[in-house]
């Protein structure tokens, strides 16, 4: 869970989701070209900006800046 209370989940159906950790409601979803379950999502911060990255089954690395 991030400091902004987000939980991330990739699916075999080819989607990467962000959910509100408190309510469970989906905050956003990104459609991928392959299953987004090759690795666990990881978050990190650079110059005060937080990012989340995950590797999809096709080897694509997806990286998103968080608000």
PDB file of N, CA and C in Angstrom:
ATOM      1  N   UNK A   1       0.855  -1.183   0.000  1.00  0.00           N
ATOM      2  CA  UNK A   1       0.000   0.000   0.000  1.00  0.00           C
ATOM      3  C   UNK A   1       0.897   1.240   0.000  1.00  0.00           C
ATOM      4  N   UNK A   2       0.563   2.188  -0.873  1.00  0.00           N
ATOM      5  CA  UNK A   2       1.334   3.424  -0.939  1.00  0.00           C
ATOM      6  C   UNK A   2       0.878   4.401   0.143  1.00  0.00           C
ATOM      7  N   UNK A   3       1.625   5.479   0.304  1.00  0.00           N
ATOM      8  CA  UNK A   3       1.250   6.523   1.259  1.00  0.00           C
ATOM      9  C   UNK A   3      -0.082   7.152   0.877  1.00  0.00           C
ATOM     10  N   UNK A   4      -0.419   7.110  -0.404  1.00  0.00           N
ATOM     11  CA  UNK A   4      -1.705   7.629  -0.874  1.00  0.00           C
ATOM     12  C   UNK A   4      -2.821   6.603  -0.817  1.00  0.00           C
ATOM     13  N   UNK A   5      -2.585   5.493  -0.096  1.00  0.00           N
ATOM     14  CA  UNK A   5      -3.569   4.429   0.095  1.00  0.00           C
ATOM     15  C   UNK A   5      -4.002   3.759  -1.202  1.00  0.00           C
ATOM     16  N   UNK A   6      -3.045   3.458  -2.079  1.00  0.00           N
ATOM     17  CA  UNK A   6      -3.340   2.716  -3.299  1.00  0.00           C
ATOM     18  C   UNK A   6      -2.768   1.307  -3.218  1.00  0.00           C
ATOM     19  N   UNK A   7      -3.514   0.359  -3.759  1.00  0.00           N
ATOM     20  CA  UNK A   7      -3.081  -1.035  -3.891  1.00  0.00           C
ATOM     21  C   UNK A   7      -3.111  -1.344  -5.385  1.00  0.00           C
ATOM     22  N   UNK A   8      -2.117  -2.083  -5.872  1.00  0.00           N
ATOM     23  CA  UNK A   8      -2.014  -2.380  -7.301  1.00  0.00           C
ATOM     24  C   UNK A   8      -2.188  -3.865  -7.552  1.00  0.00           C
ATOM     25  N   UNK A   9      -2.783  -4.173  -8.718  1.00  0.00           N
ATOM     26  CA  UNK A   9      -2.985  -5.566  -9.100  1.00  0.00           C
ATOM     27  C   UNK A   9      -2.929  -5.687 -10.615  1.00  0.00           C
ATOM     28  N   UNK A  10      -2.135  -6.640 -11.090  1.00  0.00           N
ATOM     29  CA  UNK A  10      -2.121  -6.988 -12.493  1.00  0.00           C
ATOM     30  C   UNK A  10      -2.973  -8.227 -12.699  1.00  0.00           C
ATOM     31  N   UNK A  11      -3.508  -8.405 -13.903  1.00  0.00           N
ATOM     32  CA  UNK A  11      -4.365  -9.552 -14.176  1.00  0.00           C
ATOM     33  C   UNK A  11      -3.876 -10.329 -15.393  1.00  0.00           C
ATOM     34  N   UNK A  12      -4.288 -11.582 -15.462  1.00  0.00           N
ATOM     35  CA  UNK A  12      -3.964 -12.409 -16.622  1.00  0.00           C
ATOM     36  C   UNK A  12      -4.746 -11.959 -17.850  1.00  0.00           C
ATOM     37  N   UNK A  13      -5.814 -11.212 -17.652  1.00  0.00           N
ATOM     38  CA  UNK A  13      -6.628 -10.711 -18.758  1.00  0.00           C
ATOM     39  C   UNK A  13      -5.992  -9.505 -19.446  1.00  0.00           C
ATOM     40  N   UNK A  14      -4.847  -9.040 -18.928  1.00  0.00           N
ATOM     41  CA  UNK A  14      -4.144  -7.937 -19.573  1.00  0.00           C
ATOM     42  C   UNK A  14      -4.524  -6.568 -19.070  1.00  0.00           C
ATOM     43  N   UNK A  15      -4.640  -6.413 -17.762  1.00  0.00           N
ATOM     44  CA  UNK A  15      -4.959  -5.114 -17.185  1.00  0.00           C
ATOM     45  C   UNK A  15      -4.119  -4.892 -15.933  1.00  0.00           C
ATOM     46  N   UNK A  16      -3.843  -3.631 -15.650  1.00  0.00           N
ATOM     47  CA  UNK A  16      -3.135  -3.233 -14.434  1.00  0.00           C
ATOM     48  C   UNK A  16      -4.032  -2.237 -13.712  1.00  0.00           C
ATOM     49  N   UNK A  17      -4.408  -2.565 -12.482  1.00  0.00           N
ATOM     50  CA  UNK A  17      -5.390  -1.788 -11.720  1.00  0.00           C
ATOM     51  C   UNK A  17      -4.761  -1.113 -10.520  1.00  0.00           C
ATOM     52  N   UNK A  18      -5.345   0.025 -10.133  1.00  0.00           N
ATOM     53  CA  UNK A  18      -5.056   0.678  -8.854  1.00  0.00           C
ATOM     54  C   UNK A  18      -6.375   0.758  -8.094  1.00  0.00           C
ATOM     55  N   UNK A  19      -6.346   0.326  -6.840  1.00  0.00           N
ATOM     56  CA  UNK A  19      -7.540   0.340  -5.991  1.00  0.00           C
ATOM     57  C   UNK A  19      -7.297   1.195  -4.760  1.00  0.00           C
ATOM     58  N   UNK A  20      -8.346   1.816  -4.264  1.00  0.00           N
ATOM     59  CA  UNK A  20      -8.289   2.526  -2.997  1.00  0.00           C
ATOM     60  C   UNK A  20      -8.177   1.484  -1.879  1.00  0.00           C
ATOM     61  N   UNK A  21      -7.158   1.600  -1.046  1.00  0.00           N
ATOM     62  CA  UNK A  21      -6.909   0.602  -0.010  1.00  0.00           C
ATOM     63  C   UNK A  21      -8.005   0.586   1.052  1.00  0.00           C
ATOM     64  N   UNK A  22      -8.678   1.685   1.256  1.00  0.00           N
ATOM     65  CA  UNK A  22      -9.703   1.749   2.302  1.00  0.00           C
ATOM     66  C   UNK A  22     -11.066   1.278   1.808  1.00  0.00           C
ATOM     67  N   UNK A  23     -11.460   1.722   0.620  1.00  0.00           N
ATOM     68  CA  UNK A  23     -12.803   1.395   0.136  1.00  0.00           C
ATOM     69  C   UNK A  23     -12.827   0.193  -0.811  1.00  0.00           C
ATOM     70  N   UNK A  24     -11.673  -0.124  -1.410  1.00  0.00           N
ATOM     71  CA  UNK A  24     -11.623  -1.204  -2.389  1.00  0.00           C
ATOM     72  C   UNK A  24     -12.066  -0.787  -3.779  1.00  0.00           C
ATOM     73  N   UNK A  25     -12.475   0.464  -3.945  1.00  0.00           N
ATOM     74  CA  UNK A  25     -12.940   0.935  -5.247  1.00  0.00           C
ATOM     75  C   UNK A  25     -11.771   1.121  -6.209  1.00  0.00           C
ATOM     76  N   UNK A  26     -12.011   0.793  -7.459  1.00  0.00           N
ATOM     77  CA  UNK A  26     -10.984   0.964  -8.483  1.00  0.00           C
ATOM     78  C   UNK A  26     -10.760   2.454  -8.719  1.00  0.00           C
ATOM     79  N   UNK A  27      -9.484   2.883  -8.700  1.00  0.00           N
ATOM     80  CA  UNK A  27      -9.140   4.278  -8.967  1.00  0.00           C
ATOM     81  C   UNK A  27      -8.790   4.485 -10.436  1.00  0.00           C
ATOM     82  N   UNK A  28      -8.087   3.509 -11.052  1.00  0.00           N
ATOM     83  CA  UNK A  28      -7.802   3.553 -12.475  1.00  0.00           C
ATOM     84  C   UNK A  28      -7.377   2.184 -12.958  1.00  0.00           C
ATOM     85  N   UNK A  29      -7.374   2.030 -14.298  1.00  0.00           N
ATOM     86  CA  UNK A  29      -6.992   0.764 -14.919  1.00  0.00           C
ATOM     87  C   UNK A  29      -6.293   1.085 -16.230  1.00  0.00           C
ATOM     88  N   UNK A  30      -5.256   0.311 -16.546  1.00  0.00           N
ATOM     89  CA  UNK A  30      -4.538   0.457 -17.808  1.00  0.00           C
ATOM     90  C   UNK A  30      -4.579  -0.883 -18.516  1.00  0.00           C
ATOM     91  N   UNK A  31      -5.022  -0.895 -19.752  1.00  0.00           N
ATOM     92  CA  UNK A  31      -5.067  -2.114 -20.562  1.00  0.00           C
ATOM     93  C   UNK A  31      -3.675  -2.372 -21.116  1.00  0.00           C
ATOM     94  N   UNK A  32      -3.139  -3.566 -20.886  1.00  0.00           N
ATOM     95  CA  UNK A  32      -1.808  -3.929 -21.355  1.00  0.00           C
ATOM     96  C   UNK A  32      -1.909  -4.845 -22.562  1.00  0.00           C
ATOM     97  N   UNK A  33      -0.782  -5.080 -23.221  1.00  0.00           N
ATOM     98  CA  UNK A  33      -0.762  -5.986 -24.374  1.00  0.00           C
ATOM     99  C   UNK A  33      -0.615  -7.446 -23.958  1.00  0.00           C
ATOM    100  N   UNK A  34      -0.392  -7.694 -22.679  1.00  0.00           N
ATOM    101  CA  UNK A  34      -0.243  -9.058 -22.175  1.00  0.00           C
ATOM    102  C   UNK A  34      -0.517  -9.078 -20.685  1.00  0.00           C
ATOM    103  N   UNK A  35      -0.544 -10.239 -20.119  1.00  0.00           N
ATOM    104  CA  UNK A  35      -0.815 -10.379 -18.685  1.00  0.00           C
ATOM    105  C   UNK A  35       0.167  -9.535 -17.882  1.00  0.00           C
ATOM    106  N   UNK A  36      -0.335  -8.767 -16.934  1.00  0.00           N
ATOM    107  CA  UNK A  36       0.495  -7.892 -16.096  1.00  0.00           C
ATOM    108  C   UNK A  36       0.805  -8.580 -14.771  1.00  0.00           C
ATOM    109  N   UNK A  37       1.291  -9.815 -14.861  1.00  0.00           N
ATOM    110  CA  UNK A  37       1.558 -10.582 -13.640  1.00  0.00           C
ATOM    111  C   UNK A  37       2.958 -11.182 -13.639  1.00  0.00           C
ATOM    112  N   UNK A  38       3.830 -10.719 -14.543  1.00  0.00           N
ATOM    113  CA  UNK A  38       5.174 -11.292 -14.622  1.00  0.00           C
ATOM    114  C   UNK A  38       5.990 -10.973 -13.369  1.00  0.00           C
ATOM    115  N   UNK A  39       5.743  -9.823 -12.761  1.00  0.00           N
ATOM    116  CA  UNK A  39       6.421  -9.429 -11.518  1.00  0.00           C
ATOM    117  C   UNK A  39       5.424  -8.734 -10.607  1.00  0.00           C
ATOM    118  N   UNK A  40       5.794  -8.611  -9.344  1.00  0.00           N
ATOM    119  CA  UNK A  40       4.989  -7.812  -8.426  1.00  0.00           C
ATOM    120  C   UNK A  40       5.212  -6.342  -8.747  1.00  0.00           C
ATOM    121  N   UNK A  41       4.173  -5.515  -8.634  1.00  0.00           N
ATOM    122  CA  UNK A  41       4.367  -4.081  -8.829  1.00  0.00           C
ATOM    123  C   UNK A  41       5.311  -3.535  -7.764  1.00  0.00           C
ATOM    124  N   UNK A  42       6.071  -2.497  -8.126  1.00  0.00           N
ATOM    125  CA  UNK A  42       6.925  -1.841  -7.133  1.00  0.00           C
ATOM    126  C   UNK A  42       6.739  -0.344  -7.251  1.00  0.00           C
ATOM    127  N   UNK A  43       6.829   0.340  -6.121  1.00  0.00           N
ATOM    128  CA  UNK A  43       6.749   1.791  -6.126  1.00  0.00           C
ATOM    129  C   UNK A  43       8.082   2.348  -5.661  1.00  0.00           C
ATOM    130  N   UNK A  44       8.382   3.543  -6.150  1.00  0.00           N
ATOM    131  CA  UNK A  44       9.623   4.210  -5.784  1.00  0.00           C
ATOM    132  C   UNK A  44       9.425   5.706  -5.991  1.00  0.00           C
ATOM    133  N   UNK A  45      10.363   6.486  -5.447  1.00  0.00           N
ATOM    134  CA  UNK A  45      10.241   7.929  -5.509  1.00  0.00           C
ATOM    135  C   UNK A  45      11.523   8.528  -6.074  1.00  0.00           C
ATOM    136  N   UNK A  46      11.376   9.497  -6.971  1.00  0.00           N
ATOM    137  CA  UNK A  46      12.498  10.232  -7.545  1.00  0.00           C
ATOM    138  C   UNK A  46      12.163  11.719  -7.459  1.00  0.00           C
ATOM    139  N   UNK A  47      13.031  12.481  -6.805  1.00  0.00           N
ATOM    140  CA  UNK A  47      12.829  13.931  -6.665  1.00  0.00           C
ATOM    141  C   UNK A  47      11.440  14.280  -6.149  1.00  0.00           C
ATOM    142  N   UNK A  48      10.953  13.509  -5.178  1.00  0.00           N
ATOM    143  CA  UNK A  48       9.671  13.788  -4.547  1.00  0.00           C
ATOM    144  C   UNK A  48       8.449  13.301  -5.305  1.00  0.00           C
ATOM    145  N   UNK A  49       8.634  12.691  -6.471  1.00  0.00           N
ATOM    146  CA  UNK A  49       7.511  12.165  -7.260  1.00  0.00           C
ATOM    147  C   UNK A  49       7.487  10.652  -7.149  1.00  0.00           C
ATOM    148  N   UNK A  50       6.321  10.076  -6.831  1.00  0.00           N
ATOM    149  CA  UNK A  50       6.197   8.631  -6.669  1.00  0.00           C
ATOM    150  C   UNK A  50       5.747   7.992  -7.971  1.00  0.00           C
ATOM    151  N   UNK A  51       6.326   6.809  -8.259  1.00  0.00           N
ATOM    152  CA  UNK A  51       6.034   6.041  -9.462  1.00  0.00           C
ATOM    153  C   UNK A  51       5.708   4.607  -9.075  1.00  0.00           C
ATOM    154  N   UNK A  52       4.997   3.913  -9.957  1.00  0.00           N
ATOM    155  CA  UNK A  52       4.758   2.478  -9.810  1.00  0.00           C
ATOM    156  C   UNK A  52       5.130   1.826 -11.138  1.00  0.00           C
ATOM    157  N   UNK A  53       5.830   0.696 -11.066  1.00  0.00           N
ATOM    158  CA  UNK A  53       6.227  -0.053 -12.260  1.00  0.00           C
ATOM    159  C   UNK A  53       5.851  -1.513 -12.096  1.00  0.00           C
ATOM    160  N   UNK A  54       5.547  -2.154 -13.233  1.00  0.00           N
ATOM    161  CA  UNK A  54       5.254  -3.585 -13.260  1.00  0.00           C
ATOM    162  C   UNK A  54       5.692  -4.106 -14.627  1.00  0.00           C
ATOM    163  N   UNK A  55       6.100  -5.359 -14.676  1.00  0.00           N
ATOM    164  CA  UNK A  55       6.485  -5.981 -15.938  1.00  0.00           C
ATOM    165  C   UNK A  55       5.345  -6.876 -16.403  1.00  0.00           C
ATOM    166  N   UNK A  56       4.906  -6.674 -17.640  1.00  0.00           N
ATOM    167  CA  UNK A  56       3.867  -7.517 -18.225  1.00  0.00           C
ATOM    168  C   UNK A  56       4.523  -8.776 -18.792  1.00  0.00           C
ATOM    169  N   UNK A  57       3.728  -9.794 -19.048  1.00  0.00           N
ATOM    170  CA  UNK A  57       4.228 -11.091 -19.507  1.00  0.00           C
ATOM    171  C   UNK A  57       4.968 -10.998 -20.834  1.00  0.00           C
ATOM    172  N   UNK A  58       4.670  -9.998 -21.638  1.00  0.00           N
ATOM    173  CA  UNK A  58       5.339  -9.842 -22.928  1.00  0.00           C
ATOM    174  C   UNK A  58       6.678  -9.108 -22.789  1.00  0.00           C
ATOM    175  N   UNK A  59       7.099  -8.823 -21.556  1.00  0.00           N
ATOM    176  CA  UNK A  59       8.371  -8.152 -21.292  1.00  0.00           C
ATOM    177  C   UNK A  59       8.283  -6.646 -21.262  1.00  0.00           C
ATOM    178  N   UNK A  60       7.113  -6.089 -21.511  1.00  0.00           N
ATOM    179  CA  UNK A  60       6.936  -4.646 -21.476  1.00  0.00           C
ATOM    180  C   UNK A  60       6.961  -4.167 -20.021  1.00  0.00           C
ATOM    181  N   UNK A  61       7.727  -3.112 -19.746  1.00  0.00           N
ATOM    182  CA  UNK A  61       7.735  -2.494 -18.424  1.00  0.00           C
ATOM    183  C   UNK A  61       6.777  -1.311 -18.451  1.00  0.00           C
ATOM    184  N   UNK A  62       5.796  -1.350 -17.571  1.00  0.00           N
ATOM    185  CA  UNK A  62       4.821  -0.267 -17.460  1.00  0.00           C
ATOM    186  C   UNK A  62       5.186   0.586 -16.257  1.00  0.00           C
ATOM    187  N   UNK A  63       5.309   1.883 -16.429  1.00  0.00           N
ATOM    188  CA  UNK A  63       5.627   2.794 -15.335  1.00  0.00           C
ATOM    189  C   UNK A  63       4.643   3.954 -15.358  1.00  0.00           C
ATOM    190  N   UNK A  64       4.087   4.264 -14.185  1.00  0.00           N
ATOM    191  CA  UNK A  64       3.100   5.318 -14.055  1.00  0.00           C
ATOM    192  C   UNK A  64       3.515   6.257 -12.936  1.00  0.00           C
ATOM    193  N   UNK A  65       3.375   7.568 -13.168  1.00  0.00           N
ATOM    194  CA  UNK A  65       3.569   8.564 -12.111  1.00  0.00           C
ATOM    195  C   UNK A  65       2.286   8.621 -11.299  1.00  0.00           C
ATOM    196  N   UNK A  66       2.426   8.704  -9.991  1.00  0.00           N
ATOM    197  CA  UNK A  66       1.254   8.763  -9.121  1.00  0.00           C
ATOM    198  C   UNK A  66       0.992  10.198  -8.712  1.00  0.00           C
ATOM    199  N   UNK A  67      -0.281  10.549  -8.517  1.00  0.00           N
ATOM    200  CA  UNK A  67      -0.607  11.929  -8.112  1.00  0.00           C
ATOM    201  C   UNK A  67      -0.153  12.214  -6.688  1.00  0.00           C
TER     202      UNK A  67
END
